[in-house]
Amino acid sequence: MSVKLALLKSGEVLISDIKELIDDEKVIGYLFVKPKKVDMSTPMFLSEENNNESSVEVSLSSWFLITDDEEFAIPKDWIVTVMNPVDRVLQMYNTGTNND
Protein backbone atom coordinates (compact mmCIF):
# COMPACT_ATOMS: atom_id res chain seq x y z
CA MET A 1 0.00 0.00 0.00
CA SER A 2 1.30 3.40 1.01
CA VAL A 3 0.94 5.94 3.80
CA LYS A 4 -2.64 5.73 5.03
CA LEU A 5 -4.79 6.47 8.05
CA ALA A 6 -6.30 3.46 9.80
CA LEU A 7 -9.11 3.40 12.35
CA LEU A 8 -8.65 0.47 14.73
CA LYS A 9 -11.36 -1.32 16.73
CA SER A 10 -9.88 0.30 19.84
CA GLY A 11 -10.85 3.72 18.46
CA GLU A 12 -7.24 4.71 17.85
CA VAL A 13 -6.36 6.38 14.56
CA LEU A 14 -2.91 5.54 13.22
CA ILE A 15 -0.98 6.91 10.27
CA SER A 16 1.56 4.54 8.81
CA ASP A 17 3.10 3.06 5.72
CA ILE A 18 0.70 0.12 5.45
CA LYS A 19 1.32 -3.06 3.50
CA GLU A 20 -1.04 -6.02 3.06
CA LEU A 21 -0.10 -9.35 4.62
CA ILE A 22 -1.29 -12.09 2.27
CA ASP A 23 -1.60 -15.85 2.81
CA ASP A 24 -3.08 -18.17 0.17
CA GLU A 25 -4.06 -15.12 -1.91
CA LYS A 26 -6.17 -13.69 0.96
CA VAL A 27 -5.44 -10.61 3.02
CA ILE A 28 -4.95 -11.80 6.60
CA GLY A 29 -3.67 -8.56 8.07
CA TYR A 30 -1.59 -5.47 7.55
CA LEU A 31 1.99 -4.54 8.29
CA PHE A 32 2.24 -1.07 9.81
CA VAL A 33 5.69 0.47 9.28
CA LYS A 34 6.58 3.41 11.55
CA PRO A 35 3.02 3.91 12.85
CA LYS A 36 2.15 7.13 14.64
CA LYS A 37 -0.94 7.73 16.73
CA VAL A 38 -3.07 10.61 15.45
CA ASP A 39 -4.58 12.82 18.13
CA MET A 40 -7.21 15.35 17.11
CA SER A 41 -8.87 18.11 19.04
CA THR A 42 -11.20 20.90 18.06
CA PRO A 43 -10.19 24.22 19.57
CA MET A 44 -13.02 26.34 20.87
CA PHE A 45 -13.00 30.02 20.07
CA LEU A 46 -15.24 32.34 22.01
CA SER A 47 -16.37 35.46 20.23
CA GLU A 48 -19.44 37.57 19.82
CA GLU A 49 -19.51 36.82 16.11
CA ASN A 50 -21.15 33.66 14.88
CA ASN A 51 -18.25 32.26 12.92
CA ASN A 52 -18.88 28.80 11.47
CA GLU A 53 -15.27 28.13 10.55
CA SER A 54 -14.06 24.90 12.03
CA SER A 55 -10.55 23.69 12.49
CA VAL A 56 -8.88 20.66 13.97
CA GLU A 57 -5.58 20.51 15.77
CA VAL A 58 -3.63 17.37 14.89
CA SER A 59 -0.63 15.92 16.67
CA LEU A 60 1.30 12.72 15.99
CA SER A 61 2.95 10.64 18.69
CA SER A 62 4.61 7.26 18.98
CA TRP A 63 2.10 4.45 19.04
CA PHE A 64 4.10 2.36 21.53
CA LEU A 65 6.56 4.29 23.68
CA ILE A 66 8.25 1.26 25.24
CA THR A 67 9.65 -0.40 22.11
CA ASP A 68 12.14 0.43 19.40
CA ASP A 69 10.25 -1.77 16.91
CA GLU A 70 9.14 0.02 13.76
CA GLU A 71 6.95 -2.70 12.23
CA PHE A 72 3.74 -4.16 13.63
CA ALA A 73 1.52 -6.87 12.16
CA ILE A 74 -2.16 -6.07 12.77
CA PRO A 75 -4.86 -8.69 12.07
CA LYS A 76 -7.38 -7.52 9.47
CA ASP A 77 -10.27 -7.93 11.90
CA TRP A 78 -8.78 -5.15 14.05
CA ILE A 79 -8.97 -2.64 11.18
CA VAL A 80 -12.28 -0.78 10.91
CA THR A 81 -11.30 1.25 7.84
CA VAL A 82 -8.31 2.58 5.94
CA MET A 83 -8.32 6.02 4.33
CA ASN A 84 -6.07 8.61 2.68
CA PRO A 85 -4.71 11.39 4.89
CA VAL A 86 -5.03 15.02 3.88
CA ASP A 87 -1.82 16.54 2.49
CA ARG A 88 -0.88 18.44 5.67
CA VAL A 89 -1.15 15.33 7.87
CA LEU A 90 0.83 13.31 5.31
CA GLN A 91 3.51 16.00 5.34
CA MET A 92 3.60 15.93 9.18
CA TYR A 93 4.05 12.16 9.11
CA ASN A 94 6.77 12.25 6.44
CA THR A 95 8.66 14.96 8.32
CA GLY A 96 8.33 13.14 11.64
CA THR A 97 9.53 9.82 10.25
CA ASN A 98 12.20 11.25 7.95
CA ASN A 99 10.37 9.96 4.84
CA ASP A 100 10.83 13.20 2.89
PDB file of N, CA and C in Angstrom:
ATOM      1  N   MET A   1       0.849  -1.184   0.000  1.00  0.00           N
ATOM      2  CA  MET A   1       0.000   0.000   0.000  1.00  0.00           C
ATOM      3  C   MET A   1       0.885   1.235   0.000  1.00  0.00           C
ATOM      4  N   SER A   2       0.552   2.159   0.890  1.00  0.00           N
ATOM      5  CA  SER A   2       1.303   3.397   1.010  1.00  0.00           C
ATOM      6  C   SER A   2       0.920   4.022   2.349  1.00  0.00           C
ATOM      7  N   VAL A   3       1.258   5.281   2.535  1.00  0.00           N
ATOM      8  CA  VAL A   3       0.938   5.943   3.802  1.00  0.00           C
ATOM      9  C   VAL A   3      -0.561   6.212   3.850  1.00  0.00           C
ATOM     10  N   LYS A   4      -1.194   5.637   4.861  1.00  0.00           N
ATOM     11  CA  LYS A   4      -2.644   5.727   5.026  1.00  0.00           C
ATOM     12  C   LYS A   4      -2.977   5.984   6.494  1.00  0.00           C
ATOM     13  N   LEU A   5      -4.217   6.403   6.718  1.00  0.00           N
ATOM     14  CA  LEU A   5      -4.786   6.469   8.053  1.00  0.00           C
ATOM     15  C   LEU A   5      -5.580   5.197   8.278  1.00  0.00           C
ATOM     16  N   ALA A   6      -5.531   4.656   9.482  1.00  0.00           N
ATOM     17  CA  ALA A   6      -6.302   3.458   9.803  1.00  0.00           C
ATOM     18  C   ALA A   6      -7.026   3.676  11.124  1.00  0.00           C
ATOM     19  N   LEU A   7      -8.314   3.377  11.128  1.00  0.00           N
ATOM     20  CA  LEU A   7      -9.105   3.398  12.347  1.00  0.00           C
ATOM     21  C   LEU A   7      -9.148   1.977  12.880  1.00  0.00           C
ATOM     22  N   LEU A   8      -8.668   1.791  14.117  1.00  0.00           N
ATOM     23  CA  LEU A   8      -8.651   0.475  14.734  1.00  0.00           C
ATOM     24  C   LEU A   8      -9.914   0.256  15.563  1.00  0.00           C
ATOM     25  N   LYS A   9     -10.217  -0.994  15.880  1.00  0.00           N
ATOM     26  CA  LYS A   9     -11.361  -1.316  16.733  1.00  0.00           C
ATOM     27  C   LYS A   9     -11.285  -0.606  18.079  1.00  0.00           C
ATOM     28  N   SER A  10     -10.086  -0.356  18.549  1.00  0.00           N
ATOM     29  CA  SER A  10      -9.883   0.296  19.839  1.00  0.00           C
ATOM     30  C   SER A  10     -10.285   1.772  19.808  1.00  0.00           C
ATOM     31  N   GLY A  11     -10.526   2.305  18.606  1.00  0.00           N
ATOM     32  CA  GLY A  11     -10.846   3.717  18.457  1.00  0.00           C
ATOM     33  C   GLY A  11      -9.638   4.567  18.122  1.00  0.00           C
ATOM     34  N   GLU A  12      -8.456   3.983  18.185  1.00  0.00           N
ATOM     35  CA  GLU A  12      -7.239   4.714  17.847  1.00  0.00           C
ATOM     36  C   GLU A  12      -7.175   4.941  16.339  1.00  0.00           C
ATOM     37  N   VAL A  13      -6.625   6.091  15.965  1.00  0.00           N
ATOM     38  CA  VAL A  13      -6.355   6.377  14.561  1.00  0.00           C
ATOM     39  C   VAL A  13      -4.841   6.403  14.406  1.00  0.00           C
ATOM     40  N   LEU A  14      -4.338   5.594  13.477  1.00  0.00           N
ATOM     41  CA  LEU A  14      -2.906   5.539  13.216  1.00  0.00           C
ATOM     42  C   LEU A  14      -2.640   6.005  11.797  1.00  0.00           C
ATOM     43  N   ILE A  15      -1.472   6.614  11.612  1.00  0.00           N
ATOM     44  CA  ILE A  15      -0.980   6.908  10.270  1.00  0.00           C
ATOM     45  C   ILE A  15       0.298   6.102  10.119  1.00  0.00           C
ATOM     46  N   SER A  16       0.427   5.442   8.986  1.00  0.00           N
ATOM     47  CA  SER A  16       1.556   4.544   8.807  1.00  0.00           C
ATOM     48  C   SER A  16       1.719   4.194   7.340  1.00  0.00           C
ATOM     49  N   ASP A  17       2.909   3.720   7.001  1.00  0.00           N
ATOM     50  CA  ASP A  17       3.098   3.055   5.716  1.00  0.00           C
ATOM     51  C   ASP A  17       2.512   1.662   5.921  1.00  0.00           C
ATOM     52  N   ILE A  18       1.435   1.356   5.224  1.00  0.00           N
ATOM     53  CA  ILE A  18       0.695   0.118   5.450  1.00  0.00           C
ATOM     54  C   ILE A  18       0.845  -0.804   4.241  1.00  0.00           C
ATOM     55  N   LYS A  19       1.182  -2.050   4.543  1.00  0.00           N
ATOM     56  CA  LYS A  19       1.322  -3.061   3.504  1.00  0.00           C
ATOM     57  C   LYS A  19       0.409  -4.243   3.852  1.00  0.00           C
ATOM     58  N   GLU A  20      -0.183  -4.863   2.841  1.00  0.00           N
ATOM     59  CA  GLU A  20      -1.041  -6.016   3.060  1.00  0.00           C
ATOM     60  C   GLU A  20      -0.204  -7.248   3.390  1.00  0.00           C
ATOM     61  N   LEU A  21      -0.688  -8.062   4.330  1.00  0.00           N
ATOM     62  CA  LEU A  21      -0.097  -9.355   4.624  1.00  0.00           C
ATOM     63  C   LEU A  21      -1.015 -10.402   3.991  1.00  0.00           C
ATOM     64  N   ILE A  22      -0.475 -11.178   3.063  1.00  0.00           N
ATOM     65  CA  ILE A  22      -1.287 -12.094   2.269  1.00  0.00           C
ATOM     66  C   ILE A  22      -0.838 -13.533   2.522  1.00  0.00           C
ATOM     67  N   ASP A  23      -1.836 -14.423   2.676  1.00  0.00           N
ATOM     68  CA  ASP A  23      -1.596 -15.853   2.807  1.00  0.00           C
ATOM     69  C   ASP A  23      -2.632 -16.568   1.946  1.00  0.00           C
ATOM     70  N   ASP A  24      -2.179 -17.445   1.088  1.00  0.00           N
ATOM     71  CA  ASP A  24      -3.084 -18.167   0.170  1.00  0.00           C
ATOM     72  C   ASP A  24      -3.978 -17.200  -0.611  1.00  0.00           C
ATOM     73  N   GLU A  25      -3.375 -16.127  -1.091  1.00  0.00           N
ATOM     74  CA  GLU A  25      -4.056 -15.120  -1.912  1.00  0.00           C
ATOM     75  C   GLU A  25      -5.172 -14.377  -1.177  1.00  0.00           C
ATOM     76  N   LYS A  26      -5.186 -14.432   0.159  1.00  0.00           N
ATOM     77  CA  LYS A  26      -6.168 -13.693   0.959  1.00  0.00           C
ATOM     78  C   LYS A  26      -5.437 -12.744   1.891  1.00  0.00           C
ATOM     79  N   VAL A  27      -6.004 -11.571   2.073  1.00  0.00           N
ATOM     80  CA  VAL A  27      -5.444 -10.612   3.019  1.00  0.00           C
ATOM     81  C   VAL A  27      -5.772 -11.106   4.429  1.00  0.00           C
ATOM     82  N   ILE A  28      -4.733 -11.341   5.227  1.00  0.00           N
ATOM     83  CA  ILE A  28      -4.945 -11.799   6.603  1.00  0.00           C
ATOM     84  C   ILE A  28      -4.638 -10.713   7.627  1.00  0.00           C
ATOM     85  N   GLY A  29      -4.020  -9.633   7.174  1.00  0.00           N
ATOM     86  CA  GLY A  29      -3.669  -8.556   8.074  1.00  0.00           C
ATOM     87  C   GLY A  29      -2.895  -7.488   7.336  1.00  0.00           C
ATOM     88  N   TYR A  30      -2.347  -6.583   8.120  1.00  0.00           N
ATOM     89  CA  TYR A  30      -1.593  -5.468   7.549  1.00  0.00           C
ATOM     90  C   TYR A  30      -0.319  -5.259   8.347  1.00  0.00           C
ATOM     91  N   LEU A  31       0.729  -4.887   7.650  1.00  0.00           N
ATOM     92  CA  LEU A  31       1.994  -4.543   8.288  1.00  0.00           C
ATOM     93  C   LEU A  31       2.062  -3.024   8.356  1.00  0.00           C
ATOM     94  N   PHE A  32       2.123  -2.510   9.577  1.00  0.00           N
ATOM     95  CA  PHE A  32       2.242  -1.065   9.805  1.00  0.00           C
ATOM     96  C   PHE A  32       3.719  -0.764  10.030  1.00  0.00           C
ATOM     97  N   VAL A  33       4.286   0.078   9.183  1.00  0.00           N
ATOM     98  CA  VAL A  33       5.694   0.466   9.284  1.00  0.00           C
ATOM     99  C   VAL A  33       5.752   1.900   9.792  1.00  0.00           C
ATOM    100  N   LYS A  34       6.435   2.101  10.903  1.00  0.00           N
ATOM    101  CA  LYS A  34       6.575   3.413  11.554  1.00  0.00           C
ATOM    102  C   LYS A  34       5.213   4.056  11.854  1.00  0.00           C
ATOM    103  N   PRO A  35       4.332   3.328  12.552  1.00  0.00           N
ATOM    104  CA  PRO A  35       3.021   3.911  12.853  1.00  0.00           C
ATOM    105  C   PRO A  35       3.112   5.035  13.879  1.00  0.00           C
ATOM    106  N   LYS A  36       2.286   6.023  13.689  1.00  0.00           N
ATOM    107  CA  LYS A  36       2.147   7.131  14.638  1.00  0.00           C
ATOM    108  C   LYS A  36       0.671   7.245  15.010  1.00  0.00           C
ATOM    109  N   LYS A  37       0.421   7.511  16.272  1.00  0.00           N
ATOM    110  CA  LYS A  37      -0.944   7.733  16.734  1.00  0.00           C
ATOM    111  C   LYS A  37      -1.352   9.156  16.374  1.00  0.00           C
ATOM    112  N   VAL A  38      -2.548   9.302  15.837  1.00  0.00           N
ATOM    113  CA  VAL A  38      -3.067  10.609  15.450  1.00  0.00           C
ATOM    114  C   VAL A  38      -4.018  11.075  16.543  1.00  0.00           C
ATOM    115  N   ASP A  39      -3.704  12.208  17.128  1.00  0.00           N
ATOM    116  CA  ASP A  39      -4.581  12.815  18.135  1.00  0.00           C
ATOM    117  C   ASP A  39      -5.180  14.073  17.537  1.00  0.00           C
ATOM    118  N   MET A  40      -6.510  14.197  17.667  1.00  0.00           N
ATOM    119  CA  MET A  40      -7.211  15.349  17.106  1.00  0.00           C
ATOM    120  C   MET A  40      -8.010  16.043  18.201  1.00  0.00           C
ATOM    121  N   SER A  41      -8.028  17.339  18.128  1.00  0.00           N
ATOM    122  CA  SER A  41      -8.867  18.107  19.036  1.00  0.00           C
ATOM    123  C   SER A  41      -9.401  19.318  18.285  1.00  0.00           C
ATOM    124  N   THR A  42     -10.573  19.736  18.674  1.00  0.00           N
ATOM    125  CA  THR A  42     -11.197  20.900  18.056  1.00  0.00           C
ATOM    126  C   THR A  42     -11.077  22.060  19.022  1.00  0.00           C
ATOM    127  N   PRO A  43     -10.295  23.074  18.668  1.00  0.00           N
ATOM    128  CA  PRO A  43     -10.187  24.220  19.572  1.00  0.00           C
ATOM    129  C   PRO A  43     -11.499  24.996  19.594  1.00  0.00           C
ATOM    130  N   MET A  44     -11.795  25.557  20.742  1.00  0.00           N
ATOM    131  CA  MET A  44     -13.021  26.340  20.872  1.00  0.00           C
ATOM    132  C   MET A  44     -12.644  27.812  20.956  1.00  0.00           C
ATOM    133  N   PHE A  45     -13.253  28.590  20.093  1.00  0.00           N
ATOM    134  CA  PHE A  45     -13.001  30.017  20.069  1.00  0.00           C
ATOM    135  C   PHE A  45     -14.256  30.730  20.540  1.00  0.00           C
ATOM    136  N   LEU A  46     -14.105  31.575  21.522  1.00  0.00           N
ATOM    137  CA  LEU A  46     -15.238  32.343  22.014  1.00  0.00           C
ATOM    138  C   LEU A  46     -15.190  33.736  21.417  1.00  0.00           C
ATOM    139  N   SER A  47     -16.282  34.118  20.775  1.00  0.00           N
ATOM    140  CA  SER A  47     -16.371  35.464  20.228  1.00  0.00           C
ATOM    141  C   SER A  47     -17.836  35.834  20.130  1.00  0.00           C
ATOM    142  N   GLU A  48     -18.072  37.102  19.941  1.00  0.00           N
ATOM    143  CA  GLU A  48     -19.445  37.568  19.816  1.00  0.00           C
ATOM    144  C   GLU A  48     -19.989  37.322  18.419  1.00  0.00           C
ATOM    145  N   GLU A  49     -19.082  37.086  17.478  1.00  0.00           N
ATOM    146  CA  GLU A  49     -19.506  36.820  16.110  1.00  0.00           C
ATOM    147  C   GLU A  49     -19.833  35.338  15.964  1.00  0.00           C
ATOM    148  N   ASN A  50     -20.819  35.044  15.161  1.00  0.00           N
ATOM    149  CA  ASN A  50     -21.149  33.661  14.883  1.00  0.00           C
ATOM    150  C   ASN A  50     -20.325  33.208  13.689  1.00  0.00           C
ATOM    151  N   ASN A  51     -19.170  32.678  13.967  1.00  0.00           N
ATOM    152  CA  ASN A  51     -18.248  32.260  12.918  1.00  0.00           C
ATOM    153  C   ASN A  51     -18.317  30.742  12.804  1.00  0.00           C
ATOM    154  N   ASN A  52     -18.706  30.238  11.656  1.00  0.00           N
ATOM    155  CA  ASN A  52     -18.885  28.804  11.470  1.00  0.00           C
ATOM    156  C   ASN A  52     -17.625  28.096  10.985  1.00  0.00           C
ATOM    157  N   GLU A  53     -16.506  28.788  10.970  1.00  0.00           N
ATOM    158  CA  GLU A  53     -15.271  28.134  10.552  1.00  0.00           C
ATOM    159  C   GLU A  53     -14.886  27.085  11.591  1.00  0.00           C
ATOM    160  N   SER A  54     -14.502  25.938  11.116  1.00  0.00           N
ATOM    161  CA  SER A  54     -14.062  24.900  12.034  1.00  0.00           C
ATOM    162  C   SER A  54     -12.626  24.524  11.689  1.00  0.00           C
ATOM    163  N   SER A  55     -11.912  24.122  12.698  1.00  0.00           N
ATOM    164  CA  SER A  55     -10.550  23.687  12.492  1.00  0.00           C
ATOM    165  C   SER A  55     -10.268  22.542  13.461  1.00  0.00           C
ATOM    166  N   VAL A  56      -9.265  21.785  13.140  1.00  0.00           N
ATOM    167  CA  VAL A  56      -8.879  20.659  13.966  1.00  0.00           C
ATOM    168  C   VAL A  56      -7.379  20.754  14.206  1.00  0.00           C
ATOM    169  N   GLU A  57      -6.991  20.572  15.448  1.00  0.00           N
ATOM    170  CA  GLU A  57      -5.576  20.511  15.772  1.00  0.00           C
ATOM    171  C   GLU A  57      -5.167  19.044  15.755  1.00  0.00           C
ATOM    172  N   VAL A  58      -4.094  18.747  15.037  1.00  0.00           N
ATOM    173  CA  VAL A  58      -3.629  17.369  14.886  1.00  0.00           C
ATOM    174  C   VAL A  58      -2.219  17.262  15.441  1.00  0.00           C
ATOM    175  N   SER A  59      -1.996  16.207  16.218  1.00  0.00           N
ATOM    176  CA  SER A  59      -0.634  15.919  16.669  1.00  0.00           C
ATOM    177  C   SER A  59      -0.368  14.431  16.454  1.00  0.00           C
ATOM    178  N   LEU A  60       0.875  14.104  16.201  1.00  0.00           N
ATOM    179  CA  LEU A  60       1.299  12.720  15.990  1.00  0.00           C
ATOM    180  C   LEU A  60       2.240  12.329  17.116  1.00  0.00           C
ATOM    181  N   SER A  61       2.068  11.128  17.625  1.00  0.00           N
ATOM    182  CA  SER A  61       2.945  10.636  18.686  1.00  0.00           C
ATOM    183  C   SER A  61       3.259   9.169  18.440  1.00  0.00           C
ATOM    184  N   SER A  62       4.262   8.677  19.123  1.00  0.00           N
ATOM    185  CA  SER A  62       4.611   7.263  18.982  1.00  0.00           C
ATOM    186  C   SER A  62       3.433   6.415  19.413  1.00  0.00           C
ATOM    187  N   TRP A  63       3.207   5.331  18.695  1.00  0.00           N
ATOM    188  CA  TRP A  63       2.101   4.455  19.037  1.00  0.00           C
ATOM    189  C   TRP A  63       2.435   3.655  20.289  1.00  0.00           C
ATOM    190  N   PHE A  64       3.638   3.064  20.339  1.00  0.00           N
ATOM    191  CA  PHE A  64       4.104   2.362  21.529  1.00  0.00           C
ATOM    192  C   PHE A  64       5.405   3.009  21.987  1.00  0.00           C
ATOM    193  N   LEU A  65       5.399   3.552  23.177  1.00  0.00           N
ATOM    194  CA  LEU A  65       6.557   4.286  23.682  1.00  0.00           C
ATOM    195  C   LEU A  65       7.636   3.373  24.263  1.00  0.00           C
ATOM    196  N   ILE A  66       7.306   2.117  24.525  1.00  0.00           N
ATOM    197  CA  ILE A  66       8.252   1.257  25.242  1.00  0.00           C
ATOM    198  C   ILE A  66       8.934   0.226  24.342  1.00  0.00           C
ATOM    199  N   THR A  67       8.962   0.498  23.039  1.00  0.00           N
ATOM    200  CA  THR A  67       9.655  -0.398  22.109  1.00  0.00           C
ATOM    201  C   THR A  67      10.371   0.418  21.045  1.00  0.00           C
ATOM    202  N   ASP A  68      11.431  -0.172  20.530  1.00  0.00           N
ATOM    203  CA  ASP A  68      12.141   0.428  19.400  1.00  0.00           C
ATOM    204  C   ASP A  68      11.675  -0.174  18.071  1.00  0.00           C
ATOM    205  N   ASP A  69      10.753  -1.139  18.138  1.00  0.00           N
ATOM    206  CA  ASP A  69      10.248  -1.768  16.914  1.00  0.00           C
ATOM    207  C   ASP A  69       9.593  -0.714  16.029  1.00  0.00           C
ATOM    208  N   GLU A  70       9.744  -0.897  14.727  1.00  0.00           N
ATOM    209  CA  GLU A  70       9.142   0.020  13.764  1.00  0.00           C
ATOM    210  C   GLU A  70       8.105  -0.656  12.880  1.00  0.00           C
ATOM    211  N   GLU A  71       7.925  -1.965  13.048  1.00  0.00           N
ATOM    212  CA  GLU A  71       6.954  -2.701  12.232  1.00  0.00           C
ATOM    213  C   GLU A  71       6.039  -3.518  13.137  1.00  0.00           C
ATOM    214  N   PHE A  72       4.741  -3.457  12.830  1.00  0.00           N
ATOM    215  CA  PHE A  72       3.743  -4.157  13.634  1.00  0.00           C
ATOM    216  C   PHE A  72       2.750  -4.841  12.706  1.00  0.00           C
ATOM    217  N   ALA A  73       2.519  -6.128  12.925  1.00  0.00           N
ATOM    218  CA  ALA A  73       1.524  -6.871  12.155  1.00  0.00           C
ATOM    219  C   ALA A  73       0.185  -6.750  12.893  1.00  0.00           C
ATOM    220  N   ILE A  74      -0.831  -6.272  12.187  1.00  0.00           N
ATOM    221  CA  ILE A  74      -2.160  -6.066  12.766  1.00  0.00           C
ATOM    222  C   ILE A  74      -3.140  -6.972  12.020  1.00  0.00           C
ATOM    223  N   PRO A  75      -3.870  -7.836  12.739  1.00  0.00           N
ATOM    224  CA  PRO A  75      -4.856  -8.686  12.069  1.00  0.00           C
ATOM    225  C   PRO A  75      -5.928  -7.845  11.379  1.00  0.00           C
ATOM    226  N   LYS A  76      -6.417  -8.327  10.239  1.00  0.00           N
ATOM    227  CA  LYS A  76      -7.377  -7.523   9.467  1.00  0.00           C
ATOM    228  C   LYS A  76      -8.668  -7.273  10.224  1.00  0.00           C
ATOM    229  N   ASP A  77      -9.026  -8.150  11.158  1.00  0.00           N
ATOM    230  CA  ASP A  77     -10.272  -7.925  11.899  1.00  0.00           C
ATOM    231  C   ASP A  77     -10.147  -6.831  12.965  1.00  0.00           C
ATOM    232  N   TRP A  78      -8.962  -6.277  13.132  1.00  0.00           N
ATOM    233  CA  TRP A  78      -8.780  -5.147  14.047  1.00  0.00           C
ATOM    234  C   TRP A  78      -8.846  -3.808  13.316  1.00  0.00           C
ATOM    235  N   ILE A  79      -8.922  -3.854  11.985  1.00  0.00           N
ATOM    236  CA  ILE A  79      -8.972  -2.643  11.184  1.00  0.00           C
ATOM    237  C   ILE A  79     -10.429  -2.351  10.842  1.00  0.00           C
ATOM    238  N   VAL A  80     -10.915  -1.181  11.241  1.00  0.00           N
ATOM    239  CA  VAL A  80     -12.283  -0.785  10.906  1.00  0.00           C
ATOM    240  C   VAL A  80     -12.317  -0.232   9.488  1.00  0.00           C
ATOM    241  N   THR A  81     -11.390   0.681   9.187  1.00  0.00           N
ATOM    242  CA  THR A  81     -11.304   1.250   7.843  1.00  0.00           C
ATOM    243  C   THR A  81      -9.924   1.844   7.620  1.00  0.00           C
ATOM    244  N   VAL A  82      -9.569   1.966   6.358  1.00  0.00           N
ATOM    245  CA  VAL A  82      -8.306   2.582   5.945  1.00  0.00           C
ATOM    246  C   VAL A  82      -8.654   3.712   4.992  1.00  0.00           C
ATOM    247  N   MET A  83      -8.001   4.858   5.163  1.00  0.00           N
ATOM    248  CA  MET A  83      -8.322   6.023   4.331  1.00  0.00           C
ATOM    249  C   MET A  83      -7.073   6.839   4.028  1.00  0.00           C
ATOM    250  N   ASN A  84      -7.184   7.724   3.052  1.00  0.00           N
ATOM    251  CA  ASN A  84      -6.072   8.606   2.678  1.00  0.00           C
ATOM    252  C   ASN A  84      -6.025   9.809   3.617  1.00  0.00           C
ATOM    253  N   PRO A  85      -4.830  10.177   4.069  1.00  0.00           N
ATOM    254  CA  PRO A  85      -4.707  11.389   4.886  1.00  0.00           C
ATOM    255  C   PRO A  85      -4.731  12.637   4.012  1.00  0.00           C
ATOM    256  N   VAL A  86      -5.129  13.750   4.604  1.00  0.00           N
ATOM    257  CA  VAL A  86      -5.026  15.021   3.884  1.00  0.00           C
ATOM    258  C   VAL A  86      -3.543  15.365   3.755  1.00  0.00           C
ATOM    259  N   ASP A  87      -3.220  16.224   2.801  1.00  0.00           N
ATOM    260  CA  ASP A  87      -1.818  16.535   2.491  1.00  0.00           C
ATOM    261  C   ASP A  87      -1.028  17.029   3.700  1.00  0.00           C
ATOM    262  N   ARG A  88      -1.638  17.877   4.527  1.00  0.00           N
ATOM    263  CA  ARG A  88      -0.885  18.436   5.668  1.00  0.00           C
ATOM    264  C   ARG A  88      -0.535  17.364   6.685  1.00  0.00           C
ATOM    265  N   VAL A  89      -1.436  16.410   6.923  1.00  0.00           N
ATOM    266  CA  VAL A  89      -1.153  15.327   7.866  1.00  0.00           C
ATOM    267  C   VAL A  89      -0.099  14.391   7.273  1.00  0.00           C
ATOM    268  N   LEU A  90      -0.185  14.119   5.979  1.00  0.00           N
ATOM    269  CA  LEU A  90       0.825  13.307   5.308  1.00  0.00           C
ATOM    270  C   LEU A  90       2.199  13.964   5.414  1.00  0.00           C
ATOM    271  N   GLN A  91       2.247  15.267   5.225  1.00  0.00           N
ATOM    272  CA  GLN A  91       3.510  16.004   5.343  1.00  0.00           C
ATOM    273  C   GLN A  91       4.050  15.929   6.780  1.00  0.00           C
ATOM    274  N   MET A  92       3.176  16.054   7.784  1.00  0.00           N
ATOM    275  CA  MET A  92       3.604  15.927   9.184  1.00  0.00           C
ATOM    276  C   MET A  92       4.219  14.558   9.429  1.00  0.00           C
ATOM    277  N   TYR A  93       3.564  13.517   8.916  1.00  0.00           N
ATOM    278  CA  TYR A  93       4.052  12.158   9.107  1.00  0.00           C
ATOM    279  C   TYR A  93       5.412  11.975   8.427  1.00  0.00           C
ATOM    280  N   ASN A  94       5.516  12.403   7.176  1.00  0.00           N
ATOM    281  CA  ASN A  94       6.773  12.252   6.445  1.00  0.00           C
ATOM    282  C   ASN A  94       7.915  12.999   7.114  1.00  0.00           C
ATOM    283  N   THR A  95       7.635  14.188   7.615  1.00  0.00           N
ATOM    284  CA  THR A  95       8.663  14.963   8.322  1.00  0.00           C
ATOM    285  C   THR A  95       9.056  14.278   9.627  1.00  0.00           C
ATOM    286  N   GLY A  96       8.069  13.785  10.349  1.00  0.00           N
ATOM    287  CA  GLY A  96       8.329  13.145  11.644  1.00  0.00           C
ATOM    288  C   GLY A  96       9.020  11.802  11.556  1.00  0.00           C
ATOM    289  N   THR A  97       8.899  11.131  10.428  1.00  0.00           N
ATOM    290  CA  THR A  97       9.532   9.821  10.253  1.00  0.00           C
ATOM    291  C   THR A  97      10.706   9.875   9.280  1.00  0.00           C
ATOM    292  N   ASN A  98      11.089  11.060   8.879  1.00  0.00           N
ATOM    293  CA  ASN A  98      12.203  11.251   7.948  1.00  0.00           C
ATOM    294  C   ASN A  98      11.961  10.551   6.612  1.00  0.00           C
ATOM    295  N   ASN A  99      10.718  10.578   6.134  1.00  0.00           N
ATOM    296  CA  ASN A  99      10.370   9.957   4.844  1.00  0.00           C
ATOM    297  C   ASN A  99      10.331  10.979   3.720  1.00  0.00           C
ATOM    298  N   ASP A 100      10.880  12.159   3.929  1.00  0.00           N
ATOM    299  CA  ASP A 100      10.829  13.204   2.891  1.00  0.00           C
ATOM    300  C   ASP A 100      11.564  12.794   1.646  1.00  0.00           C
TER     301      ASP A 100
END
